Amino acid sequence: MVSIPHPTSFLMDEMISRKMSRDDLAKIVSEKTGESYGLAKLALDLYWTVGPFDPSCRMGELAEWFSLAFGISKDYFLNLEKMWMSVPQETRHD
């Protein structure tokens, strides 16, 4: 069986390559969207903490945030999540 990591694994790789923390990501999201830093940080923390363990915690509009922050299509991020959701839960990992 194929094991597919949660999208946060891919996001972490991207953040590490850019020497970016989750706080930095929240600041960028806040600047680019006009959303408050606190709400951006809360949404990102929720997705990172709950998302890998609860499939009902979906990416949603965070895909647009990731797109703005990383300059990568939001569909890329949505497709990562779609792949993760497509495999049986026991083969998913964080």
Protein backbone atom coordinates (compact mmCIF):
# COMPACT_ATOMS: atom_id res chain seq x y z
CA MET A 1 0.00 0.00 0.00
CA VAL A 2 1.07 3.53 -0.73
CA SER A 3 1.65 5.89 2.17
CA ILE A 4 0.90 9.54 1.47
CA PRO A 5 1.94 12.29 3.87
CA HIS A 6 -0.41 15.04 4.94
CA PRO A 7 0.00 18.31 2.98
CA THR A 8 1.64 19.90 6.01
CA SER A 9 4.67 17.67 5.33
CA PHE A 10 5.07 19.24 1.90
CA LEU A 11 4.44 22.69 3.35
CA MET A 12 7.11 22.15 5.99
CA ASP A 13 9.62 21.14 3.31
CA GLU A 14 8.84 24.34 1.41
CA MET A 15 9.12 26.43 4.58
CA ILE A 16 12.43 24.82 5.56
CA SER A 17 13.87 25.51 2.12
CA ARG A 18 12.91 29.18 2.58
CA LYS A 19 14.05 29.31 6.22
CA MET A 20 10.49 30.24 7.18
CA SER A 21 8.66 29.51 10.43
CA ARG A 22 4.91 29.14 10.85
CA ASP A 23 4.96 32.59 12.48
CA ASP A 24 6.65 33.95 9.36
CA LEU A 25 4.01 32.26 7.21
CA ALA A 26 1.22 33.83 9.29
CA LYS A 27 2.85 37.27 8.87
CA ILE A 28 3.09 36.84 5.10
CA VAL A 29 -0.52 35.65 4.89
CA SER A 30 -1.64 38.60 6.99
CA GLU A 31 0.23 41.08 4.79
CA LYS A 32 -0.97 39.59 1.50
CA THR A 33 -4.62 39.02 2.46
CA GLY A 34 -5.33 41.77 4.97
CA GLU A 35 -6.39 39.10 7.45
CA SER A 36 -5.33 39.72 11.04
CA TYR A 37 -2.10 38.05 12.08
CA GLY A 38 -3.85 36.36 15.02
CA LEU A 39 -6.52 34.76 12.86
CA ALA A 40 -3.97 33.66 10.27
CA LYS A 41 -1.78 32.12 12.98
CA LEU A 42 -4.75 30.39 14.60
CA ALA A 43 -5.97 28.92 11.29
CA LEU A 44 -2.49 27.70 10.36
CA ASP A 45 -1.90 26.20 13.81
CA LEU A 46 -5.27 24.44 13.68
CA TYR A 47 -4.54 22.94 10.27
CA TRP A 48 -1.06 21.80 11.34
CA THR A 49 -2.23 20.36 14.65
CA VAL A 50 -5.59 18.83 13.79
CA GLY A 51 -5.45 18.31 10.01
CA PRO A 52 -3.14 15.29 9.93
CA PHE A 53 -5.36 13.42 12.41
CA ASP A 54 -8.86 14.55 11.47
CA PRO A 55 -9.86 14.42 7.79
CA SER A 56 -12.76 16.79 8.50
CA CYS A 57 -10.19 19.56 9.08
CA ARG A 58 -9.77 20.49 5.43
CA MET A 59 -7.52 23.04 3.81
CA GLY A 60 -10.28 25.17 2.28
CA GLU A 61 -9.26 28.80 1.82
CA LEU A 62 -5.83 28.09 3.28
CA ALA A 63 -4.92 26.84 -0.21
CA GLU A 64 -5.25 30.41 -1.46
CA TRP A 65 -3.14 31.63 1.45
CA PHE A 66 -0.43 29.09 0.65
CA SER A 67 -0.56 30.10 -3.00
CA LEU A 68 -0.03 33.75 -2.13
CA ALA A 69 2.75 32.99 0.35
CA PHE A 70 4.72 30.56 -1.83
CA GLY A 71 3.85 31.68 -5.37
CA ILE A 72 2.53 28.21 -6.20
CA SER A 73 -0.91 27.46 -7.63
CA LYS A 74 -3.60 26.89 -5.01
CA ASP A 75 -4.62 23.82 -7.03
CA TYR A 76 -1.24 22.29 -6.20
CA PHE A 77 -2.06 22.42 -2.49
CA LEU A 78 -5.64 21.25 -3.00
CA ASN A 79 -4.35 18.33 -5.06
CA LEU A 80 -1.93 17.36 -2.28
CA GLU A 81 -4.85 17.17 0.10
CA LYS A 82 -6.99 15.34 -2.43
CA MET A 83 -4.27 12.68 -2.82
CA TRP A 84 -3.97 12.35 0.97
CA MET A 85 -7.75 11.99 1.31
CA SER A 86 -7.87 9.38 -1.46
CA VAL A 87 -5.96 6.69 0.43
CA PRO A 88 -7.31 4.62 3.34
CA GLN A 89 -6.81 6.39 6.66
CA GLU A 90 -4.43 3.74 8.00
CA THR A 91 -1.96 4.51 5.18
CA ARG A 92 -1.95 8.27 5.78
CA HIS A 93 0.72 9.80 7.92
CA ASP A 94 1.61 13.25 9.16
